[in-house]
Amino acid sequence: MKRSGGVTASAVIAIIGSVLTVLFGGFAILSALVMRTMPNLSTPPGQPALPIPPAAILFGESLLFVGFGAWGIASAVGLLKLKNWARICFLVFAGLLCAFSAIGALSLFAVLLIFPRIAPPQANMPPGMMTAVFGTMIVFALLLVALGIWWLIYFNRLEIKAQFMGEGVTIAPSPRPLSITIIAWLFVVGGLAAPFYLVVSYPAMIFGFVIRGWTANFMYLLLTLAGLAAGIGLLRMRPAAHTLAVAYYVFSLLNLAASILLPGSFARMQALTQEMLPPGSPSGFEFTEQFFWFAMLLGLLGIAVPLWFLVTRRQAFLDACKASPPAPVPGPGNPPGSFA
């Protein structure tokens, strides 16, 4: 079947972006090697050493960039060859692009709010220069959000699916709601951070109480694994996974509400933010009340939006679970390792 122009354009855009991502990752690897040979760049003299060397963090991030770039190039080539696995990769990538670009845009807006308070004005910088720079970056992030939304819609169209499935194949609409699929992949991607909490310790706030040490690590790890289980279950069309996902977001919503409504919430969050900064960091970061309420609003939106989709699309998801083929029952012909 002939490849449509939108498929070709998507592949070209992905190749360009992926090549730039790989180059950025390569530059980060070189920077990590330079920091490795020049310790004073990562830890100034007289300052305590960080728990994890900055060069190691930078090297890990660079591998992530290179991995995503290689994935994008491989998916784009597969898209040009009309491979269905490449179409699925683009859907996953589109969901991630929407989520991370939206978070990036909101984070840049938050930085734009607090930057004038923590950075002294520069005499050689024209007025409004930083606003223009951050504004341009926010617009670019929103364009990436729009691109991700377009890919999600475009590669789910039946006529586009037919190009990847071959002629004479009848394409049925996906039984799982698209919003549930996006939430599931966000859970799965978030689950990849589970090993991080085994080596790095950060304090956590649970219903207004700050916990530290292994208890905080255990809570972070437990929530991450619960999200990972919910995401995998949603992708495998398990009704119990929907209940777990709703419980996850309800717990997060109640926890955030308690952190906001209990007296002294701003002071606790301000102290917690300073505590999470690396040792030896400058104390110029000003956790303003304006930034606090913006962060809380951002957190509420991040919880309320997926929870709304989970609740409103619950019946459609349960109907899709009933329509999907049941998992095989263990027996002589179906050993436990052969489950679907």
Protein backbone atom coordinates (compact mmCIF):
# COMPACT_ATOMS: atom_id res chain seq x y z
CA MET A 1 0.00 0.00 0.00
CA LYS A 2 1.23 3.49 -0.86
CA ARG A 3 2.69 5.49 2.01
CA SER A 4 0.84 8.72 2.81
CA GLY A 5 2.54 12.10 2.98
CA GLY A 6 1.80 12.48 6.68
CA VAL A 7 3.66 9.25 7.46
CA THR A 8 6.69 10.39 5.45
CA ALA A 9 6.65 13.85 7.07
CA SER A 10 6.41 12.29 10.54
CA ALA A 11 9.40 10.05 9.81
CA VAL A 12 11.49 12.98 8.55
CA ILE A 13 10.63 15.09 11.62
CA ALA A 14 11.51 12.17 13.89
CA ILE A 15 14.85 11.56 12.15
CA ILE A 16 15.86 15.22 12.43
CA GLY A 17 14.85 15.42 16.10
CA SER A 18 16.47 12.08 16.93
CA VAL A 19 19.77 13.00 15.28
CA LEU A 20 19.85 16.23 17.29
CA THR A 21 19.05 14.24 20.44
CA VAL A 22 21.93 11.81 19.76
CA LEU A 23 24.30 14.72 19.13
CA PHE A 24 23.18 16.36 22.37
CA GLY A 25 23.78 13.07 24.19
CA GLY A 26 27.25 12.80 22.65
CA PHE A 27 28.07 16.33 23.78
CA ALA A 28 26.88 15.42 27.29
CA ILE A 29 29.18 12.37 27.28
CA LEU A 30 32.13 14.57 26.37
CA SER A 31 31.18 16.99 29.14
CA ALA A 32 31.02 14.10 31.64
CA LEU A 33 34.49 12.94 30.57
CA VAL A 34 35.84 16.48 31.02
CA MET A 35 34.30 16.68 34.50
CA ARG A 36 35.85 13.31 35.28
CA THR A 37 39.35 14.55 34.46
CA MET A 38 38.82 17.93 36.17
CA PRO A 39 37.24 17.28 39.61
CA ASN A 40 37.20 20.99 40.51
CA LEU A 41 34.45 21.54 37.93
CA SER A 42 32.04 19.21 39.75
CA THR A 43 33.07 19.80 43.38
CA PRO A 44 34.58 23.20 44.23
CA PRO A 45 37.47 23.18 46.72
CA GLY A 46 36.29 23.22 50.31
CA GLN A 47 32.79 21.95 49.47
CA PRO A 48 31.53 18.50 50.57
CA ALA A 49 31.35 15.84 47.88
CA LEU A 50 27.91 14.99 46.50
CA PRO A 51 26.42 11.51 47.16
CA ILE A 52 26.50 10.82 43.41
CA PRO A 53 29.26 12.50 41.34
CA PRO A 54 27.84 15.05 38.88
CA ALA A 55 29.87 13.41 36.11
CA ALA A 56 28.06 10.10 36.75
CA ILE A 57 24.65 11.84 36.68
CA LEU A 58 25.55 13.62 33.45
CA PHE A 59 26.82 10.39 31.90
CA GLY A 60 23.59 8.60 32.82
CA GLU A 61 21.49 11.40 31.31
CA SER A 62 23.60 11.32 28.14
CA LEU A 63 22.97 7.59 27.73
CA LEU A 64 19.27 8.32 28.09
CA PHE A 65 19.43 10.93 25.33
CA VAL A 66 21.39 8.61 23.05
CA GLY A 67 18.95 5.77 23.75
CA PHE A 68 15.90 7.89 22.95
CA GLY A 69 17.59 9.21 19.80
CA ALA A 70 18.45 5.71 18.60
CA TRP A 71 14.91 4.58 19.34
CA GLY A 72 13.53 7.52 17.35
CA ILE A 73 15.76 6.84 14.34
CA ALA A 74 14.90 3.13 14.31
CA SER A 75 11.18 3.91 14.61
CA ALA A 76 11.35 6.49 11.81
CA VAL A 77 13.07 4.02 9.48
CA GLY A 78 10.45 1.41 10.36
CA LEU A 79 7.75 3.97 9.68
CA LEU A 80 9.10 4.59 6.18
CA LYS A 81 8.94 0.82 5.63
CA LEU A 82 5.34 0.77 6.94
CA LYS A 83 6.14 -1.52 9.87
CA ASN A 84 3.30 -1.66 12.38
CA TRP A 85 5.68 -1.85 15.36
CA ALA A 86 7.03 1.54 14.27
CA ARG A 87 3.51 3.01 14.27
CA ILE A 88 3.02 1.74 17.81
CA CYS A 89 6.39 3.23 18.82
CA PHE A 90 5.25 6.58 17.44
CA LEU A 91 2.06 6.42 19.52
CA VAL A 92 4.08 5.71 22.66
CA PHE A 93 6.57 8.44 21.80
CA ALA A 94 3.73 10.89 21.08
CA GLY A 95 2.22 10.29 24.51
CA LEU A 96 5.58 10.82 26.19
CA LEU A 97 6.23 13.92 24.08
CA CYS A 98 2.90 15.44 25.12
CA ALA A 99 3.43 14.72 28.81
CA PHE A 100 7.05 15.85 29.13
CA SER A 101 6.63 18.88 26.87
CA ALA A 102 3.59 20.06 28.83
CA ILE A 103 5.50 19.60 32.10
CA GLY A 104 8.46 21.43 30.57
CA ALA A 105 6.31 24.35 29.45
CA LEU A 106 4.74 24.71 32.90
CA SER A 107 8.14 24.40 34.58
CA LEU A 108 9.60 27.09 32.34
CA PHE A 109 6.67 29.33 33.20
CA ALA A 110 7.34 28.72 36.90
CA VAL A 111 11.03 29.58 36.44
CA LEU A 112 9.99 32.73 34.59
CA LEU A 113 7.98 33.73 37.65
CA ILE A 114 10.80 33.25 40.18
CA PHE A 115 13.86 34.07 38.07
CA PRO A 116 13.68 37.87 38.54
CA ARG A 117 13.62 37.28 42.31
CA ILE A 118 16.78 35.14 42.50
CA ALA A 119 18.93 36.61 39.71
CA PRO A 120 20.27 40.15 39.98
CA PRO A 121 19.73 42.31 36.88
CA GLN A 122 22.63 42.40 34.43
CA ALA A 123 23.77 45.80 33.17
CA ASN A 124 24.63 44.44 29.73
CA MET A 125 21.30 42.64 29.28
CA PRO A 126 18.41 44.52 27.61
CA PRO A 127 15.19 44.76 29.66
CA GLY A 128 12.84 41.90 28.92
CA MET A 129 15.59 39.72 27.42
CA MET A 130 15.04 36.82 29.81
CA THR A 131 11.27 37.06 29.34
CA ALA A 132 11.74 36.78 25.59
CA VAL A 133 14.10 33.81 25.95
CA PHE A 134 11.83 31.89 28.30
CA GLY A 135 8.77 32.85 26.25
CA THR A 136 10.38 31.40 23.12
CA MET A 137 11.21 28.17 24.96
CA ILE A 138 7.64 27.90 26.26
CA VAL A 139 6.23 28.37 22.76
CA PHE A 140 8.58 25.68 21.43
CA ALA A 141 7.47 23.27 24.20
CA LEU A 142 3.81 23.95 23.36
CA LEU A 143 4.54 23.24 19.68
CA LEU A 144 5.95 19.86 20.74
CA VAL A 145 2.74 19.22 22.69
CA ALA A 146 0.72 20.00 19.56
CA LEU A 147 2.95 17.65 17.51
CA GLY A 148 2.42 14.85 20.01
CA ILE A 149 -1.35 15.34 19.96
CA TRP A 150 -1.34 15.31 16.14
CA TRP A 151 0.63 12.04 16.09
CA LEU A 152 -1.75 10.46 18.61
CA ILE A 153 -4.74 11.33 16.43
CA TYR A 154 -3.11 10.69 13.06
CA PHE A 155 -1.63 7.26 13.74
CA ASN A 156 -4.89 6.06 15.32
CA ARG A 157 -6.94 6.80 12.20
CA LEU A 158 -8.25 3.64 10.54
CA GLU A 159 -6.99 4.59 7.06
CA ILE A 160 -3.48 5.14 8.46
CA LYS A 161 -3.57 1.85 10.34
CA ALA A 162 -4.52 0.09 7.11
CA GLN A 163 -1.27 1.24 5.48
CA PHE A 164 0.69 -0.68 8.11
CA MET A 165 -1.51 -3.78 8.17
CA GLY A 166 -1.57 -4.45 4.41
CA GLU A 167 -4.35 -4.55 1.86
CA GLY A 168 -7.45 -6.64 2.45
CA VAL A 169 -7.16 -6.43 6.23
CA THR A 170 -10.13 -5.01 8.11
CA ILE A 171 -9.00 -2.71 10.91
CA ALA A 172 -11.23 -2.57 13.96
CA PRO A 173 -11.05 0.40 16.33
CA SER A 174 -8.95 -0.18 19.43
CA PRO A 175 -11.22 -1.29 22.28
CA ARG A 176 -9.14 0.48 24.92
CA PRO A 177 -9.86 4.22 25.27
CA LEU A 178 -6.92 6.31 24.08
CA SER A 179 -6.83 8.30 27.32
CA ILE A 180 -6.45 5.07 29.32
CA THR A 181 -3.61 3.96 27.04
CA ILE A 182 -1.73 7.26 27.56
CA ILE A 183 -2.18 7.04 31.35
CA ALA A 184 -0.94 3.43 31.28
CA TRP A 185 2.24 4.36 29.43
CA LEU A 186 2.86 7.27 31.79
CA PHE A 187 2.68 4.79 34.66
CA VAL A 188 5.08 2.42 32.89
CA VAL A 189 7.61 5.14 32.10
CA GLY A 190 7.42 6.41 35.67
CA GLY A 191 8.09 2.89 36.89
CA LEU A 192 11.51 3.00 35.25
CA ALA A 193 12.59 5.32 38.07
CA ALA A 194 12.23 2.54 40.68
CA PRO A 195 16.00 1.72 40.81
CA PHE A 196 16.70 5.43 41.41
CA TYR A 197 15.14 5.25 44.88
CA LEU A 198 17.47 2.40 45.84
CA VAL A 199 20.58 4.58 45.59
CA VAL A 200 19.37 8.16 46.24
CA SER A 201 17.49 9.30 49.33
CA TYR A 202 15.08 12.23 49.35
CA PRO A 203 12.66 13.26 52.12
CA ALA A 204 8.97 12.69 51.44
CA MET A 205 5.85 14.42 52.72
CA ILE A 206 2.97 12.08 53.57
CA PHE A 207 -0.24 13.81 54.72
CA GLY A 208 1.72 16.78 56.01
CA PHE A 209 4.38 14.75 57.85
CA VAL A 210 7.96 14.70 56.57
CA ILE A 211 9.67 11.30 56.57
CA ARG A 212 13.30 10.64 55.77
CA GLY A 213 15.81 7.86 55.27
CA TRP A 214 14.84 4.33 54.31
CA THR A 215 11.19 5.02 55.20
CA ALA A 216 10.97 7.75 52.56
CA ASN A 217 12.76 5.54 50.03
CA PHE A 218 10.32 2.73 50.78
CA MET A 219 7.32 5.02 50.22
CA TYR A 220 8.73 6.33 46.94
CA LEU A 221 9.53 2.78 45.79
CA LEU A 222 6.12 1.45 46.83
CA LEU A 223 4.24 4.18 44.95
CA THR A 224 6.45 3.76 41.88
CA LEU A 225 5.92 0.00 41.78
CA ALA A 226 2.17 0.44 42.34
CA GLY A 227 2.05 2.79 39.36
CA LEU A 228 4.07 0.36 37.26
CA ALA A 229 1.70 -2.50 38.15
CA ALA A 230 -1.31 -0.31 37.30
CA GLY A 231 0.19 0.69 33.95
CA ILE A 232 1.02 -2.86 32.90
CA GLY A 233 -2.42 -4.03 34.05
CA LEU A 234 -4.18 -1.31 32.06
CA LEU A 235 -2.25 -2.26 28.93
CA ARG A 236 -3.17 -5.92 29.49
CA MET A 237 -6.85 -4.98 29.97
CA ARG A 238 -7.17 -6.01 33.62
CA PRO A 239 -10.16 -4.42 35.46
CA ALA A 240 -8.30 -4.60 38.79
CA ALA A 241 -5.59 -2.37 37.31
CA HIS A 242 -8.17 0.37 36.75
CA THR A 243 -9.11 0.20 40.44
CA LEU A 244 -5.43 0.36 41.40
CA ALA A 245 -4.88 3.37 39.13
CA VAL A 246 -7.85 5.23 40.64
CA ALA A 247 -6.65 4.41 44.16
CA TYR A 248 -3.17 5.69 43.23
CA TYR A 249 -4.51 9.08 42.11
CA VAL A 250 -7.00 9.37 44.98
CA PHE A 251 -4.16 8.77 47.46
CA SER A 252 -2.02 11.36 45.66
CA LEU A 253 -4.90 13.86 45.69
CA LEU A 254 -5.60 13.40 49.41
CA ASN A 255 -1.89 13.59 50.21
CA LEU A 256 -1.49 16.84 48.28
CA ALA A 257 -4.66 18.31 49.81
CA ALA A 258 -3.42 17.51 53.32
CA SER A 259 -0.02 19.04 52.54
CA ILE A 260 -1.78 22.25 51.44
CA LEU A 261 -4.54 22.55 54.06
CA LEU A 262 -2.64 21.65 57.23
CA PRO A 263 -1.26 24.72 59.06
CA GLY A 264 2.33 25.63 58.25
CA SER A 265 2.27 24.02 54.81
CA PHE A 266 4.29 26.77 53.14
CA ALA A 267 7.02 26.74 55.81
CA ARG A 268 7.30 22.94 55.66
CA MET A 269 7.53 22.93 51.89
CA GLN A 270 10.11 25.72 51.96
CA ALA A 271 12.29 23.80 54.43
CA LEU A 272 11.83 20.58 52.47
CA THR A 273 12.93 22.28 49.25
CA GLN A 274 16.11 23.60 50.88
CA GLU A 275 16.81 20.16 52.32
CA MET A 276 16.55 18.52 48.89
CA LEU A 277 19.18 20.84 47.39
CA PRO A 278 22.65 19.24 47.00
CA PRO A 279 25.17 19.93 49.76
CA GLY A 280 27.15 23.10 49.17
CA SER A 281 24.52 24.60 46.84
CA PRO A 282 24.08 28.36 47.03
CA SER A 283 21.17 29.47 49.17
CA GLY A 284 19.96 32.02 46.63
CA PHE A 285 16.90 30.02 45.68
CA GLU A 286 13.90 31.85 47.04
CA PHE A 287 10.90 29.58 47.49
CA THR A 288 8.25 32.28 47.29
CA GLU A 289 4.62 31.83 48.26
CA GLN A 290 3.65 32.65 44.68
CA PHE A 291 5.80 29.81 43.41
CA PHE A 292 4.37 27.51 46.13
CA TRP A 293 0.78 28.03 45.02
CA PHE A 294 1.75 27.67 41.37
CA ALA A 295 3.46 24.35 42.13
CA MET A 296 0.45 23.15 44.13
CA LEU A 297 -1.91 24.10 41.30
CA LEU A 298 0.33 22.28 38.85
CA GLY A 299 0.30 19.21 41.08
CA LEU A 300 -3.49 19.29 41.40
CA LEU A 301 -3.87 19.46 37.63
CA GLY A 302 -1.41 16.61 37.17
CA ILE A 303 -3.56 14.44 39.45
CA ALA A 304 -7.06 15.65 38.61
CA VAL A 305 -6.80 15.35 34.80
CA PRO A 306 -5.85 11.64 34.61
CA LEU A 307 -8.23 10.84 37.48
CA TRP A 308 -11.07 12.50 35.55
CA PHE A 309 -10.30 10.40 32.47
CA LEU A 310 -10.08 7.22 34.55
CA VAL A 311 -13.48 7.86 36.13
CA THR A 312 -15.31 9.03 33.00
CA ARG A 313 -13.86 6.29 30.77
CA ARG A 314 -14.25 3.52 33.34
CA GLN A 315 -17.25 1.84 31.72
CA ALA A 316 -15.67 1.97 28.26
CA PHE A 317 -12.54 0.33 29.65
CA LEU A 318 -14.52 -2.38 31.46
CA ASP A 319 -16.51 -3.10 28.28
CA ALA A 320 -13.22 -3.39 26.39
CA CYS A 321 -11.95 -5.84 29.02
CA LYS A 322 -15.04 -8.00 28.55
CA ALA A 323 -14.59 -7.94 24.76
CA SER A 324 -10.90 -8.91 24.95
CA PRO A 325 -10.04 -12.65 24.90
CA PRO A 326 -9.69 -14.12 28.39
CA ALA A 327 -6.32 -15.20 29.71
CA PRO A 328 -5.63 -18.96 29.40
CA VAL A 329 -6.32 -21.18 32.39
CA PRO A 330 -3.29 -23.09 33.71
CA GLY A 331 -3.37 -26.74 32.85
CA PRO A 332 -1.51 -29.49 31.01
CA GLY A 333 -1.58 -27.57 27.75
CA ASN A 334 -1.10 -24.14 29.31
CA PRO A 335 1.73 -24.01 31.83
CA PRO A 336 1.94 -20.89 34.01
CA GLY A 337 4.73 -19.45 31.91
CA SER A 338 2.46 -19.35 28.82
CA PHE A 339 -0.02 -16.79 30.14
CA ALA A 340 -1.00 -14.06 27.69
